[in-house]
C-alpha atoms as a PDB file:
ATOM      1  CA  UNK A   1     -19.341 -36.980  15.844  1.00  0.00           C
ATOM      2  CA  UNK A   2     -20.743 -33.754  14.258  1.00  0.00           C
ATOM      3  CA  UNK A   3     -23.103 -34.122  11.188  1.00  0.00           C
ATOM      4  CA  UNK A   4     -23.135 -31.830   8.244  1.00  0.00           C
ATOM      5  CA  UNK A   5     -25.912 -31.052   5.770  1.00  0.00           C
ATOM      6  CA  UNK A   6     -24.715 -31.146   2.240  1.00  0.00           C
ATOM      7  CA  UNK A   7     -25.068 -27.294   1.940  1.00  0.00           C
ATOM      8  CA  UNK A   8     -22.465 -26.979   4.822  1.00  0.00           C
ATOM      9  CA  UNK A   9     -19.840 -28.866   2.924  1.00  0.00           C
ATOM     10  CA  UNK A  10     -17.512 -27.007   0.537  1.00  0.00           C
ATOM     11  CA  UNK A  11     -14.112 -27.816  -1.053  1.00  0.00           C
ATOM     12  CA  UNK A  12     -11.153 -25.620  -0.146  1.00  0.00           C
ATOM     13  CA  UNK A  13     -11.337 -24.102  -3.642  1.00  0.00           C
ATOM     14  CA  UNK A  14     -14.918 -23.132  -3.336  1.00  0.00           C
ATOM     15  CA  UNK A  15     -14.250 -21.493   0.080  1.00  0.00           C
ATOM     16  CA  UNK A  16     -11.293 -19.708  -1.390  1.00  0.00           C
ATOM     17  CA  UNK A  17     -13.443 -18.420  -4.317  1.00  0.00           C
ATOM     18  CA  UNK A  18     -16.557 -17.573  -2.358  1.00  0.00           C
ATOM     19  CA  UNK A  19     -15.203 -16.705   1.065  1.00  0.00           C
ATOM     20  CA  UNK A  20     -17.198 -13.519   1.531  1.00  0.00           C
ATOM     21  CA  UNK A  21     -20.488 -15.214   0.450  1.00  0.00           C
ATOM     22  CA  UNK A  22     -19.911 -18.276   2.734  1.00  0.00           C
ATOM     23  CA  UNK A  23     -18.969 -16.171   5.781  1.00  0.00           C
ATOM     24  CA  UNK A  24     -21.985 -13.932   5.125  1.00  0.00           C
ATOM     25  CA  UNK A  25     -24.200 -16.927   5.272  1.00  0.00           C
ATOM     26  CA  UNK A  26     -22.586 -17.883   8.553  1.00  0.00           C
ATOM     27  CA  UNK A  27     -22.982 -14.367   9.879  1.00  0.00           C
ATOM     28  CA  UNK A  28     -26.788 -14.390   8.915  1.00  0.00           C
ATOM     29  CA  UNK A  29     -27.224 -17.858  10.467  1.00  0.00           C
ATOM     30  CA  UNK A  30     -28.214 -19.277   7.143  1.00  0.00           C
ATOM     31  CA  UNK A  31     -25.422 -21.914   7.833  1.00  0.00           C
ATOM     32  CA  UNK A  32     -24.601 -23.092  11.313  1.00  0.00           C
ATOM     33  CA  UNK A  33     -21.188 -24.184  10.409  1.00  0.00           C
ATOM     34  CA  UNK A  34     -19.107 -24.854   7.327  1.00  0.00           C
ATOM     35  CA  UNK A  35     -17.044 -27.982   6.714  1.00  0.00           C
ATOM     36  CA  UNK A  36     -13.970 -27.489   4.401  1.00  0.00           C
ATOM     37  CA  UNK A  37     -13.095 -30.589   2.415  1.00  0.00           C
ATOM     38  CA  UNK A  38      -9.618 -31.314   1.176  1.00  0.00           C
ATOM     39  CA  UNK A  39      -9.419 -34.269  -1.137  1.00  0.00           C
ATOM     40  CA  UNK A  40     -12.993 -35.087  -0.245  1.00  0.00           C
ATOM     41  CA  UNK A  41     -12.233 -35.403   3.417  1.00  0.00           C
ATOM     42  CA  UNK A  42     -13.199 -33.057   6.140  1.00  0.00           C
ATOM     43  CA  UNK A  43     -10.124 -30.873   6.892  1.00  0.00           C
ATOM     44  CA  UNK A  44     -11.325 -27.703   8.555  1.00  0.00           C
ATOM     45  CA  UNK A  45     -14.381 -26.274  10.094  1.00  0.00           C
ATOM     46  CA  UNK A  46     -15.460 -22.682   9.864  1.00  0.00           C
ATOM     47  CA  UNK A  47     -17.767 -21.239  12.713  1.00  0.00           C
ATOM     48  CA  UNK A  48     -18.746 -17.805  14.049  1.00  0.00           C
ATOM     49  CA  UNK A  49     -16.476 -16.933  16.879  1.00  0.00           C
ATOM     50  CA  UNK A  50     -19.599 -16.570  19.307  1.00  0.00           C
ATOM     51  CA  UNK A  51     -20.725 -20.119  18.393  1.00  0.00           C
ATOM     52  CA  UNK A  52     -17.145 -21.486  18.986  1.00  0.00           C
ATOM     53  CA  UNK A  53     -17.125 -19.830  22.487  1.00  0.00           C
ATOM     54  CA  UNK A  54     -20.544 -21.232  23.193  1.00  0.00           C
ATOM     55  CA  UNK A  55     -19.325 -24.609  22.268  1.00  0.00           C
ATOM     56  CA  UNK A  56     -16.269 -24.338  24.441  1.00  0.00           C
ATOM     57  CA  UNK A  57     -18.308 -23.030  27.409  1.00  0.00           C
ATOM     58  CA  UNK A  58     -20.620 -25.966  26.939  1.00  0.00           C
ATOM     59  CA  UNK A  59     -17.716 -28.475  27.085  1.00  0.00           C
ATOM     60  CA  UNK A  60     -16.273 -26.720  30.128  1.00  0.00           C
ATOM     61  CA  UNK A  61     -19.595 -26.961  31.864  1.00  0.00           C
ATOM     62  CA  UNK A  62     -19.829 -30.717  31.105  1.00  0.00           C
ATOM     63  CA  UNK A  63     -16.344 -31.214  32.418  1.00  0.00           C
ATOM     64  CA  UNK A  64     -17.057 -29.391  35.527  1.00  0.00           C
ATOM     65  CA  UNK A  65     -20.313 -31.334  36.070  1.00  0.00           C
ATOM     66  CA  UNK A  66     -18.474 -34.664  35.682  1.00  0.00           C
ATOM     67  CA  UNK A  67     -15.778 -33.451  38.095  1.00  0.00           C
ATOM     68  CA  UNK A  68     -18.527 -32.616  40.649  1.00  0.00           C
ATOM     69  CA  UNK A  69     -20.357 -35.886  39.968  1.00  0.00           C
ATOM     70  CA  UNK A  70     -17.197 -37.942  40.776  1.00  0.00           C
ATOM     71  CA  UNK A  71     -16.626 -35.868  43.929  1.00  0.00           C
ATOM     72  CA  UNK A  72     -20.068 -36.493  45.125  1.00  0.00           C
ATOM     73  CA  UNK A  73     -19.906 -40.210  44.333  1.00  0.00           C
ATOM     74  CA  UNK A  74     -16.542 -40.491  46.229  1.00  0.00           C
ATOM     75  CA  UNK A  75     -18.226 -38.681  49.226  1.00  0.00           C
ATOM     76  CA  UNK A  76     -21.272 -41.052  49.032  1.00  0.00           C
ATOM     77  CA  UNK A  77     -18.892 -43.881  49.001  1.00  0.00           C
ATOM     78  CA  UNK A  78     -17.063 -42.705  52.098  1.00  0.00           C
ATOM     79  CA  UNK A  79     -20.298 -42.248  54.013  1.00  0.00           C
ATOM     80  CA  UNK A  80     -21.436 -45.878  52.980  1.00  0.00           C
ATOM     81  CA  UNK A  81     -18.078 -47.403  53.889  1.00  0.00           C
ATOM     82  CA  UNK A  82     -17.994 -45.458  57.300  1.00  0.00           C
ATOM     83  CA  UNK A  83     -14.654 -43.728  56.517  1.00  0.00           C
ATOM     84  CA  UNK A  84     -16.241 -40.254  56.173  1.00  0.00           C
ATOM     85  CA  UNK A  85     -15.413 -37.653  58.742  1.00  0.00           C
ATOM     86  CA  UNK A  86     -17.839 -35.368  60.194  1.00  0.00           C
ATOM     87  CA  UNK A  87     -17.068 -32.016  62.070  1.00  0.00           C
ATOM     88  CA  UNK A  88     -19.172 -29.721  64.094  1.00  0.00           C
ATOM     89  CA  UNK A  89     -19.392 -26.140  63.080  1.00  0.00           C
ATOM     90  CA  UNK A  90     -17.072 -25.099  65.755  1.00  0.00           C
ATOM     91  CA  UNK A  91     -14.474 -27.699  64.661  1.00  0.00           C
ATOM     92  CA  UNK A  92     -14.821 -26.513  61.092  1.00  0.00           C
ATOM     93  CA  UNK A  93     -14.493 -22.772  62.070  1.00  0.00           C
ATOM     94  CA  UNK A  94     -11.295 -23.801  64.111  1.00  0.00           C
ATOM     95  CA  UNK A  95      -9.784 -25.568  61.266  1.00  0.00           C
ATOM     96  CA  UNK A  96     -10.633 -22.761  58.822  1.00  0.00           C
ATOM     97  CA  UNK A  97      -9.007 -20.221  61.253  1.00  0.00           C
ATOM     98  CA  UNK A  98      -5.882 -22.323  61.439  1.00  0.00           C
ATOM     99  CA  UNK A  99      -5.749 -22.537  57.617  1.00  0.00           C
ATOM    100  CA  UNK A 100      -6.158 -18.853  57.243  1.00  0.00           C
ATOM    101  CA  UNK A 101      -3.410 -18.085  59.912  1.00  0.00           C
ATOM    102  CA  UNK A 102      -1.008 -20.535  58.239  1.00  0.00           C
ATOM    103  CA  UNK A 103      -1.654 -19.035  54.888  1.00  0.00           C
ATOM    104  CA  UNK A 104      -1.129 -15.526  56.176  1.00  0.00           C
ATOM    105  CA  UNK A 105       2.248 -16.184  57.592  1.00  0.00           C
END
């Protein structure tokens, strides 16, 4: 869970009244993020778009890493269990050529 400093939390009313000042602080990196409270509960988060994009990219990278990790683990398991199939370069090229021909037609 994301934690907030007290200077990063504002009521919805405060944000409405001081929007330019608050966004200026975000722009100048005086604030990393702004939590907007409604009835004393976190309701919205205000971020610079580049920070949001970095956050999304980081999550995508984590997801891809996890996917790769699972794939490698499954391949290791196949090798350990003796169910892995190994092909020579020639066999691999032949299979690739066949797949390309099938795709082209």
